[in-house]
Amino acid sequence: MRILLLLLLGLGTMLGPASAATSAGTGQLLTVSDAWARATVLGQTGSGVFLHLTSQQDAQLIGASSLAAERVEIHEMRVANGMMTMRRIETLPLPAGKTIALDHEFHIMLIGLKQQLKVGQSVTLSLQWLDAQGTRHVTDVVAPVRALKSAAASSTNRGD
C-alpha cells in the first residue's frame, strides 16, 4: 500500500498541479479538461471535483476513486418542486464527440476527506469508464484545488 501511495504521489508531482489528465492527448478515447477541486474549510468532510469529459466514442463514466477521500461518487443535482436535491448516480453517459460538463448538474463528490483541501494543492483521482465495446478503462486526473469564488474555478456547461 505504501508503494502504491508513493507511486501516486510521484505521478502527481510529474504532472504538476495544473495538469488535467494523464489520458488527454492525441489518440486517446477520453479527454479530460478543466479539472479542479473545491477548497474546503477546516473540519469539512466533503467537496466537489469539476471537469469536462469528451469521448471519441459512446462511453459511460461508471465510477471514480481517490486516496484523498474515503468515498468518491458521481452525483447529479436537480431542482424538484423548488427544492434542490443531489443524488448519487451509477453511470453517466458520454455520447461520442460531445463534451459533458461535470460542473453543476453533474459533478464528482469526495466524501470523507482525509484532510483539508487548500488552494494551491491538487487532488489525484481515477475515473473508471466503459468504452462502446464494454471495455473498462481508468483515466487518472490531477485536479488543482481552487477557491469556490475564484475566476479560474468558474466554468460553464459546454454541451457542444
N, C-alpha and C. Protein backbone atom coordinates (compact mmCIF):
# COMPACT_ATOMS: atom_id res chain seq x y z
N MET A 1 0.83 -1.19 0.00
CA MET A 1 0.00 0.00 0.00
C MET A 1 0.87 1.25 0.00
N ARG A 2 1.96 1.24 0.76
CA ARG A 2 2.84 2.39 0.82
C ARG A 2 3.49 2.66 -0.54
N ILE A 3 3.84 1.59 -1.25
CA ILE A 3 4.44 1.75 -2.57
C ILE A 3 3.44 2.38 -3.52
N LEU A 4 2.18 1.93 -3.47
CA LEU A 4 1.14 2.49 -4.32
C LEU A 4 0.96 3.98 -4.04
N LEU A 5 0.95 4.35 -2.77
CA LEU A 5 0.81 5.76 -2.40
C LEU A 5 1.98 6.57 -2.95
N LEU A 6 3.19 6.06 -2.82
CA LEU A 6 4.35 6.77 -3.33
C LEU A 6 4.30 6.91 -4.84
N LEU A 7 3.84 5.88 -5.53
CA LEU A 7 3.71 5.96 -6.99
C LEU A 7 2.69 7.02 -7.38
N LEU A 8 1.56 7.06 -6.68
CA LEU A 8 0.53 8.05 -7.00
C LEU A 8 1.01 9.46 -6.69
N LEU A 9 1.72 9.64 -5.59
CA LEU A 9 2.27 10.95 -5.27
C LEU A 9 3.29 11.36 -6.33
N GLY A 10 4.08 10.44 -6.79
CA GLY A 10 5.06 10.71 -7.83
C GLY A 10 4.38 11.10 -9.12
N LEU A 11 3.27 10.44 -9.45
CA LEU A 11 2.51 10.77 -10.65
C LEU A 11 2.01 12.21 -10.56
N GLY A 12 1.49 12.59 -9.41
CA GLY A 12 1.00 13.96 -9.23
C GLY A 12 2.13 14.97 -9.38
N THR A 13 3.32 14.64 -8.88
CA THR A 13 4.46 15.53 -9.00
C THR A 13 4.90 15.64 -10.45
N MET A 14 4.93 14.53 -11.17
CA MET A 14 5.34 14.55 -12.57
C MET A 14 4.38 15.38 -13.41
N LEU A 15 3.10 15.30 -13.14
CA LEU A 15 2.13 16.01 -13.94
C LEU A 15 2.07 17.49 -13.59
N GLY A 16 2.37 17.83 -12.36
CA GLY A 16 2.29 19.21 -11.92
C GLY A 16 0.87 19.57 -11.55
N PRO A 17 0.69 20.61 -10.76
CA PRO A 17 -0.63 20.94 -10.26
C PRO A 17 -1.61 21.42 -11.31
N ALA A 18 -1.16 21.90 -12.45
CA ALA A 18 -2.08 22.42 -13.44
C ALA A 18 -2.48 21.38 -14.48
N SER A 19 -1.90 20.20 -14.45
CA SER A 19 -2.24 19.18 -15.45
C SER A 19 -3.63 18.64 -15.19
N ALA A 20 -4.35 18.36 -16.26
CA ALA A 20 -5.73 17.91 -16.11
C ALA A 20 -5.83 16.39 -16.07
N ALA A 21 -5.15 15.69 -16.95
CA ALA A 21 -5.33 14.24 -17.00
C ALA A 21 -4.18 13.57 -17.71
N THR A 22 -3.93 12.33 -17.31
CA THR A 22 -2.88 11.58 -17.97
C THR A 22 -3.33 11.09 -19.33
N SER A 23 -4.64 11.05 -19.57
CA SER A 23 -5.12 10.50 -20.84
C SER A 23 -5.37 11.56 -21.90
N ALA A 24 -5.33 12.83 -21.51
CA ALA A 24 -5.59 13.87 -22.50
C ALA A 24 -4.46 13.90 -23.52
N GLY A 25 -4.82 13.83 -24.76
CA GLY A 25 -3.79 13.89 -25.80
C GLY A 25 -4.23 13.18 -27.05
N THR A 26 -3.36 13.15 -27.99
CA THR A 26 -3.64 12.56 -29.29
C THR A 26 -3.90 11.07 -29.18
N GLY A 27 -4.95 10.61 -29.85
CA GLY A 27 -5.23 9.18 -29.92
C GLY A 27 -5.92 8.60 -28.71
N GLN A 28 -6.26 9.41 -27.74
CA GLN A 28 -6.93 8.89 -26.55
C GLN A 28 -8.44 8.87 -26.77
N LEU A 29 -9.09 7.86 -26.20
CA LEU A 29 -10.54 7.74 -26.33
C LEU A 29 -11.29 8.75 -25.48
N LEU A 30 -10.71 9.11 -24.32
CA LEU A 30 -11.37 10.03 -23.40
C LEU A 30 -10.43 11.18 -23.09
N THR A 31 -10.92 12.40 -23.27
CA THR A 31 -10.14 13.59 -22.95
C THR A 31 -10.79 14.27 -21.76
N VAL A 32 -9.97 14.62 -20.78
CA VAL A 32 -10.41 15.33 -19.60
C VAL A 32 -9.82 16.74 -19.66
N SER A 33 -10.66 17.75 -19.41
CA SER A 33 -10.17 19.13 -19.40
C SER A 33 -10.83 19.91 -18.28
N ASP A 34 -10.24 21.04 -17.97
CA ASP A 34 -10.79 22.00 -16.99
C ASP A 34 -11.05 21.37 -15.62
N ALA A 35 -10.22 20.44 -15.19
CA ALA A 35 -10.43 19.78 -13.89
C ALA A 35 -9.98 20.69 -12.75
N TRP A 36 -10.79 20.73 -11.69
CA TRP A 36 -10.43 21.44 -10.47
C TRP A 36 -11.25 20.89 -9.31
N ALA A 37 -10.73 21.05 -8.10
CA ALA A 37 -11.41 20.62 -6.88
C ALA A 37 -11.67 21.85 -6.02
N ARG A 38 -12.80 21.85 -5.33
CA ARG A 38 -13.16 22.98 -4.47
C ARG A 38 -12.43 22.91 -3.14
N ALA A 39 -11.82 24.01 -2.75
CA ALA A 39 -11.14 24.10 -1.46
C ALA A 39 -12.16 23.93 -0.33
N THR A 40 -11.69 23.46 0.82
CA THR A 40 -12.57 23.26 1.97
C THR A 40 -12.09 24.09 3.15
N VAL A 41 -12.95 24.19 4.14
CA VAL A 41 -12.57 24.82 5.40
C VAL A 41 -12.22 23.72 6.39
N LEU A 42 -11.49 24.05 7.42
CA LEU A 42 -11.08 23.09 8.43
C LEU A 42 -12.31 22.36 8.98
N GLY A 43 -12.26 21.03 8.99
CA GLY A 43 -13.34 20.22 9.51
C GLY A 43 -14.36 19.78 8.47
N GLN A 44 -14.33 20.37 7.29
CA GLN A 44 -15.27 19.99 6.24
C GLN A 44 -14.87 18.61 5.71
N THR A 45 -15.84 17.71 5.55
CA THR A 45 -15.53 16.33 5.18
C THR A 45 -15.89 15.97 3.74
N GLY A 46 -16.43 16.93 3.00
CA GLY A 46 -16.78 16.65 1.61
C GLY A 46 -16.48 17.82 0.71
N SER A 47 -16.26 17.54 -0.56
CA SER A 47 -16.02 18.58 -1.54
C SER A 47 -16.34 18.04 -2.93
N GLY A 48 -16.29 18.91 -3.90
CA GLY A 48 -16.57 18.51 -5.27
C GLY A 48 -15.36 18.63 -6.18
N VAL A 49 -15.35 17.80 -7.21
CA VAL A 49 -14.37 17.90 -8.29
C VAL A 49 -15.18 18.15 -9.55
N PHE A 50 -14.72 19.11 -10.34
CA PHE A 50 -15.45 19.56 -11.52
C PHE A 50 -14.53 19.44 -12.72
N LEU A 51 -15.08 19.00 -13.85
CA LEU A 51 -14.26 18.77 -15.04
C LEU A 51 -15.14 18.61 -16.25
N HIS A 52 -14.52 18.53 -17.42
CA HIS A 52 -15.22 18.27 -18.68
C HIS A 52 -14.66 16.99 -19.28
N LEU A 53 -15.55 16.15 -19.80
CA LEU A 53 -15.16 14.89 -20.41
C LEU A 53 -15.64 14.87 -21.86
N THR A 54 -14.75 14.46 -22.76
CA THR A 54 -15.11 14.29 -24.16
C THR A 54 -14.61 12.92 -24.60
N SER A 55 -15.52 12.08 -25.06
CA SER A 55 -15.18 10.74 -25.53
C SER A 55 -15.26 10.69 -27.04
N GLN A 56 -14.33 9.98 -27.67
CA GLN A 56 -14.34 9.83 -29.13
C GLN A 56 -15.43 8.85 -29.58
N GLN A 57 -15.91 8.01 -28.66
CA GLN A 57 -16.97 7.07 -28.99
C GLN A 57 -17.96 7.05 -27.83
N ASP A 58 -19.15 6.50 -28.06
CA ASP A 58 -20.10 6.39 -26.96
C ASP A 58 -19.44 5.63 -25.82
N ALA A 59 -19.55 6.17 -24.62
CA ALA A 59 -18.93 5.57 -23.45
C ALA A 59 -19.79 5.91 -22.25
N GLN A 60 -19.38 5.44 -21.08
CA GLN A 60 -20.08 5.81 -19.86
C GLN A 60 -19.13 5.83 -18.68
N LEU A 61 -19.25 6.89 -17.89
CA LEU A 61 -18.49 7.01 -16.65
C LEU A 61 -19.18 6.14 -15.62
N ILE A 62 -18.43 5.22 -15.00
CA ILE A 62 -19.06 4.28 -14.06
C ILE A 62 -18.55 4.41 -12.64
N GLY A 63 -17.55 5.26 -12.40
CA GLY A 63 -17.07 5.41 -11.04
C GLY A 63 -15.82 6.24 -10.98
N ALA A 64 -15.36 6.48 -9.75
CA ALA A 64 -14.14 7.23 -9.51
C ALA A 64 -13.62 6.86 -8.13
N SER A 65 -12.32 7.08 -7.94
CA SER A 65 -11.71 6.82 -6.64
C SER A 65 -10.57 7.82 -6.43
N SER A 66 -10.22 8.02 -5.15
CA SER A 66 -9.12 8.93 -4.81
C SER A 66 -8.60 8.57 -3.42
N LEU A 67 -7.30 8.68 -3.25
CA LEU A 67 -6.71 8.47 -1.93
C LEU A 67 -7.04 9.63 -0.98
N ALA A 68 -7.57 10.74 -1.52
CA ALA A 68 -7.89 11.91 -0.71
C ALA A 68 -9.17 11.75 0.09
N ALA A 69 -10.01 10.75 -0.26
CA ALA A 69 -11.31 10.60 0.38
C ALA A 69 -11.65 9.13 0.60
N GLU A 70 -12.51 8.89 1.57
CA GLU A 70 -12.97 7.53 1.83
C GLU A 70 -13.83 7.00 0.70
N ARG A 71 -14.66 7.89 0.10
CA ARG A 71 -15.54 7.50 -1.00
C ARG A 71 -15.55 8.59 -2.05
N VAL A 72 -15.72 8.18 -3.29
CA VAL A 72 -15.87 9.12 -4.40
C VAL A 72 -17.08 8.67 -5.20
N GLU A 73 -17.99 9.61 -5.46
CA GLU A 73 -19.23 9.27 -6.15
C GLU A 73 -19.52 10.26 -7.28
N ILE A 74 -20.22 9.77 -8.29
CA ILE A 74 -20.74 10.63 -9.35
C ILE A 74 -22.10 11.12 -8.85
N HIS A 75 -22.32 12.43 -8.89
CA HIS A 75 -23.57 13.00 -8.39
C HIS A 75 -24.29 13.79 -9.46
N GLU A 76 -25.60 13.85 -9.29
CA GLU A 76 -26.47 14.65 -10.14
C GLU A 76 -27.27 15.58 -9.23
N MET A 77 -27.35 16.85 -9.62
CA MET A 77 -28.18 17.82 -8.88
C MET A 77 -29.39 18.17 -9.73
N ARG A 78 -30.54 18.25 -9.08
CA ARG A 78 -31.78 18.61 -9.76
C ARG A 78 -32.61 19.49 -8.85
N VAL A 79 -33.47 20.27 -9.47
CA VAL A 79 -34.44 21.05 -8.72
C VAL A 79 -35.80 20.40 -8.95
N ALA A 80 -36.43 19.97 -7.85
CA ALA A 80 -37.74 19.34 -7.91
C ALA A 80 -38.65 20.04 -6.90
N ASN A 81 -39.77 20.58 -7.39
CA ASN A 81 -40.71 21.31 -6.53
C ASN A 81 -40.02 22.44 -5.77
N GLY A 82 -39.13 23.16 -6.46
CA GLY A 82 -38.44 24.29 -5.85
C GLY A 82 -37.33 23.90 -4.88
N MET A 83 -37.05 22.62 -4.75
CA MET A 83 -36.03 22.16 -3.81
C MET A 83 -34.88 21.51 -4.58
N MET A 84 -33.65 21.96 -4.31
CA MET A 84 -32.51 21.36 -4.96
C MET A 84 -32.16 20.05 -4.25
N THR A 85 -31.99 19.00 -5.04
CA THR A 85 -31.61 17.71 -4.47
C THR A 85 -30.33 17.23 -5.17
N MET A 86 -29.59 16.41 -4.46
CA MET A 86 -28.38 15.84 -5.01
C MET A 86 -28.43 14.35 -4.71
N ARG A 87 -28.09 13.55 -5.73
CA ARG A 87 -28.10 12.11 -5.52
C ARG A 87 -26.97 11.45 -6.30
N ARG A 88 -26.55 10.32 -5.80
CA ARG A 88 -25.53 9.52 -6.45
C ARG A 88 -26.14 8.83 -7.67
N ILE A 89 -25.38 8.79 -8.76
CA ILE A 89 -25.81 8.03 -9.93
C ILE A 89 -24.75 6.97 -10.22
N GLU A 90 -25.20 5.85 -10.76
CA GLU A 90 -24.31 4.73 -11.04
C GLU A 90 -23.48 4.94 -12.29
N THR A 91 -24.09 5.54 -13.32
CA THR A 91 -23.38 5.75 -14.59
C THR A 91 -23.77 7.11 -15.17
N LEU A 92 -22.86 7.65 -15.96
CA LEU A 92 -23.13 8.89 -16.67
C LEU A 92 -22.78 8.65 -18.14
N PRO A 93 -23.76 8.72 -19.03
CA PRO A 93 -23.49 8.52 -20.46
C PRO A 93 -22.55 9.60 -21.00
N LEU A 94 -21.62 9.18 -21.86
CA LEU A 94 -20.69 10.09 -22.53
C LEU A 94 -20.87 9.89 -24.04
N PRO A 95 -21.81 10.60 -24.66
CA PRO A 95 -22.05 10.42 -26.10
C PRO A 95 -20.81 10.82 -26.91
N ALA A 96 -20.56 10.10 -27.99
CA ALA A 96 -19.39 10.34 -28.83
C ALA A 96 -19.34 11.79 -29.31
N GLY A 97 -18.17 12.41 -29.13
CA GLY A 97 -17.93 13.74 -29.66
C GLY A 97 -18.56 14.89 -28.89
N LYS A 98 -19.30 14.61 -27.84
CA LYS A 98 -19.97 15.66 -27.07
C LYS A 98 -19.21 15.89 -25.76
N THR A 99 -18.96 17.15 -25.45
CA THR A 99 -18.30 17.47 -24.17
C THR A 99 -19.36 17.48 -23.08
N ILE A 100 -19.14 16.66 -22.07
CA ILE A 100 -20.05 16.58 -20.92
C ILE A 100 -19.40 17.34 -19.77
N ALA A 101 -20.08 18.38 -19.33
CA ALA A 101 -19.56 19.21 -18.25
C ALA A 101 -20.01 18.66 -16.90
N LEU A 102 -19.06 18.29 -16.08
CA LEU A 102 -19.35 17.92 -14.70
C LEU A 102 -18.98 19.14 -13.87
N ASP A 103 -19.83 20.16 -13.96
CA ASP A 103 -19.53 21.40 -13.26
C ASP A 103 -20.75 22.02 -12.58
N HIS A 104 -21.88 21.38 -12.69
CA HIS A 104 -23.05 21.88 -11.99
C HIS A 104 -24.05 20.73 -11.84
N GLU A 105 -24.80 20.46 -12.91
CA GLU A 105 -25.80 19.40 -12.84
C GLU A 105 -25.15 18.06 -12.46
N PHE A 106 -24.00 17.78 -13.03
CA PHE A 106 -23.24 16.58 -12.68
C PHE A 106 -21.89 17.02 -12.11
N HIS A 107 -21.37 16.24 -11.17
CA HIS A 107 -20.07 16.52 -10.58
C HIS A 107 -19.58 15.27 -9.85
N ILE A 108 -18.35 15.31 -9.41
CA ILE A 108 -17.76 14.22 -8.63
C ILE A 108 -17.70 14.68 -7.18
N MET A 109 -18.20 13.86 -6.26
CA MET A 109 -18.16 14.18 -4.84
C MET A 109 -17.06 13.39 -4.14
N LEU A 110 -16.25 14.09 -3.37
CA LEU A 110 -15.26 13.48 -2.48
C LEU A 110 -15.91 13.44 -1.10
N ILE A 111 -16.09 12.25 -0.55
CA ILE A 111 -16.80 12.09 0.72
C ILE A 111 -15.86 11.46 1.73
N GLY A 112 -15.81 12.03 2.92
CA GLY A 112 -14.90 11.53 3.94
C GLY A 112 -13.47 11.95 3.65
N LEU A 113 -13.28 13.25 3.40
CA LEU A 113 -11.94 13.76 3.11
C LEU A 113 -10.98 13.42 4.25
N LYS A 114 -9.78 13.06 3.89
CA LYS A 114 -8.78 12.68 4.89
C LYS A 114 -8.03 13.89 5.43
N GLN A 115 -8.10 15.01 4.72
CA GLN A 115 -7.51 16.26 5.20
C GLN A 115 -8.16 17.43 4.45
N GLN A 116 -7.95 18.61 4.98
CA GLN A 116 -8.48 19.82 4.36
C GLN A 116 -7.87 20.00 2.98
N LEU A 117 -8.67 20.44 2.01
CA LEU A 117 -8.16 20.75 0.67
C LEU A 117 -7.88 22.25 0.63
N LYS A 118 -6.61 22.60 0.42
CA LYS A 118 -6.20 24.00 0.43
C LYS A 118 -5.85 24.48 -0.96
N VAL A 119 -6.16 25.75 -1.22
CA VAL A 119 -5.84 26.37 -2.50
C VAL A 119 -4.35 26.17 -2.78
N GLY A 120 -4.05 25.75 -4.02
CA GLY A 120 -2.66 25.52 -4.42
C GLY A 120 -2.26 24.06 -4.39
N GLN A 121 -3.00 23.24 -3.63
CA GLN A 121 -2.74 21.80 -3.62
C GLN A 121 -3.39 21.20 -4.86
N SER A 122 -3.29 19.89 -5.01
CA SER A 122 -4.02 19.19 -6.06
C SER A 122 -4.55 17.87 -5.52
N VAL A 123 -5.59 17.37 -6.16
CA VAL A 123 -6.20 16.10 -5.80
C VAL A 123 -6.06 15.18 -7.00
N THR A 124 -5.57 13.98 -6.77
CA THR A 124 -5.48 12.98 -7.84
C THR A 124 -6.66 12.03 -7.69
N LEU A 125 -7.36 11.78 -8.80
CA LEU A 125 -8.43 10.79 -8.76
C LEU A 125 -8.36 9.95 -10.03
N SER A 126 -8.95 8.77 -9.94
CA SER A 126 -9.01 7.84 -11.07
C SER A 126 -10.46 7.70 -11.49
N LEU A 127 -10.72 8.00 -12.76
CA LEU A 127 -12.06 7.83 -13.33
C LEU A 127 -12.15 6.46 -13.96
N GLN A 128 -13.21 5.72 -13.65
CA GLN A 128 -13.45 4.42 -14.28
C GLN A 128 -14.57 4.60 -15.29
N TRP A 129 -14.34 4.08 -16.50
CA TRP A 129 -15.33 4.24 -17.55
C TRP A 129 -15.29 3.06 -18.50
N LEU A 130 -16.42 2.87 -19.21
CA LEU A 130 -16.55 1.80 -20.19
C LEU A 130 -16.63 2.41 -21.57
N ASP A 131 -15.88 1.83 -22.53
CA ASP A 131 -15.97 2.30 -23.91
C ASP A 131 -17.18 1.64 -24.59
N ALA A 132 -17.37 1.91 -25.87
CA ALA A 132 -18.53 1.42 -26.60
C ALA A 132 -18.59 -0.11 -26.65
N GLN A 133 -17.44 -0.77 -26.55
CA GLN A 133 -17.40 -2.24 -26.58
C GLN A 133 -17.54 -2.85 -25.18
N GLY A 134 -17.65 -2.01 -24.17
CA GLY A 134 -17.78 -2.50 -22.80
C GLY A 134 -16.46 -2.76 -22.11
N THR A 135 -15.35 -2.34 -22.72
CA THR A 135 -14.03 -2.50 -22.11
C THR A 135 -13.85 -1.43 -21.04
N ARG A 136 -13.38 -1.86 -19.89
CA ARG A 136 -13.18 -0.96 -18.76
C ARG A 136 -11.84 -0.23 -18.90
N HIS A 137 -11.84 1.08 -18.60
CA HIS A 137 -10.64 1.91 -18.65
C HIS A 137 -10.55 2.72 -17.37
N VAL A 138 -9.34 3.14 -17.04
CA VAL A 138 -9.10 4.05 -15.92
C VAL A 138 -8.31 5.23 -16.44
N THR A 139 -8.77 6.42 -16.14
CA THR A 139 -8.08 7.65 -16.52
C THR A 139 -7.75 8.41 -15.25
N ASP A 140 -6.48 8.67 -15.03
CA ASP A 140 -6.04 9.42 -13.86
C ASP A 140 -6.11 10.91 -14.14
N VAL A 141 -6.60 11.65 -13.16
CA VAL A 141 -6.80 13.09 -13.29
C VAL A 141 -6.14 13.77 -12.10
N VAL A 142 -5.43 14.86 -12.35
CA VAL A 142 -4.90 15.69 -11.29
C VAL A 142 -5.67 17.01 -11.35
N ALA A 143 -6.42 17.29 -10.28
CA ALA A 143 -7.27 18.48 -10.23
C ALA A 143 -6.70 19.48 -9.24
N PRO A 144 -6.28 20.66 -9.70
CA PRO A 144 -5.81 21.67 -8.76
C PRO A 144 -6.94 22.13 -7.84
N VAL A 145 -6.61 22.43 -6.60
CA VAL A 145 -7.60 22.91 -5.63
C VAL A 145 -7.70 24.42 -5.77
N ARG A 146 -8.93 24.90 -5.92
CA ARG A 146 -9.18 26.32 -6.09
C ARG A 146 -10.28 26.77 -5.16
N ALA A 147 -10.28 28.06 -4.87
CA ALA A 147 -11.35 28.64 -4.07
C ALA A 147 -12.63 28.64 -4.89
N LEU A 148 -13.75 28.42 -4.25
CA LEU A 148 -15.03 28.34 -4.94
C LEU A 148 -15.32 29.60 -5.75
N LYS A 149 -14.97 30.76 -5.25
CA LYS A 149 -15.34 32.01 -5.91
C LYS A 149 -14.27 32.55 -6.84
N SER A 150 -13.18 31.80 -7.06
CA SER A 150 -12.14 32.31 -7.95
C SER A 150 -12.60 32.24 -9.40
N ALA A 151 -12.12 33.16 -10.22
CA ALA A 151 -12.49 33.19 -11.65
C ALA A 151 -12.06 31.91 -12.33
N ALA A 152 -10.91 31.37 -11.94
CA ALA A 152 -10.40 30.14 -12.56
C ALA A 152 -11.26 28.94 -12.23
N ALA A 153 -12.02 29.00 -11.14
CA ALA A 153 -12.85 27.87 -10.74
C ALA A 153 -14.19 27.87 -11.45
N SER A 154 -14.57 29.00 -12.02
CA SER A 154 -15.86 29.08 -12.70
C SER A 154 -15.78 28.41 -14.05
N SER A 155 -16.80 27.66 -14.38
CA SER A 155 -16.88 27.06 -15.72
C SER A 155 -18.34 27.01 -16.11
N THR A 156 -18.57 26.84 -17.38
CA THR A 156 -19.95 26.81 -17.87
C THR A 156 -20.22 25.48 -18.53
N ASN A 157 -21.47 25.10 -18.59
CA ASN A 157 -21.85 23.85 -19.23
C ASN A 157 -21.66 23.99 -20.72
N ARG A 158 -20.78 23.14 -21.27
CA ARG A 158 -20.46 23.20 -22.69
C ARG A 158 -21.03 21.97 -23.38
N GLY A 159 -22.29 21.91 -23.55
CA GLY A 159 -22.90 20.76 -24.21
C GLY A 159 -22.83 20.87 -25.71
N ASP A 160 -21.61 21.08 -26.26
CA ASP A 160 -21.47 21.24 -27.71
C ASP A 160 -21.56 19.94 -28.44
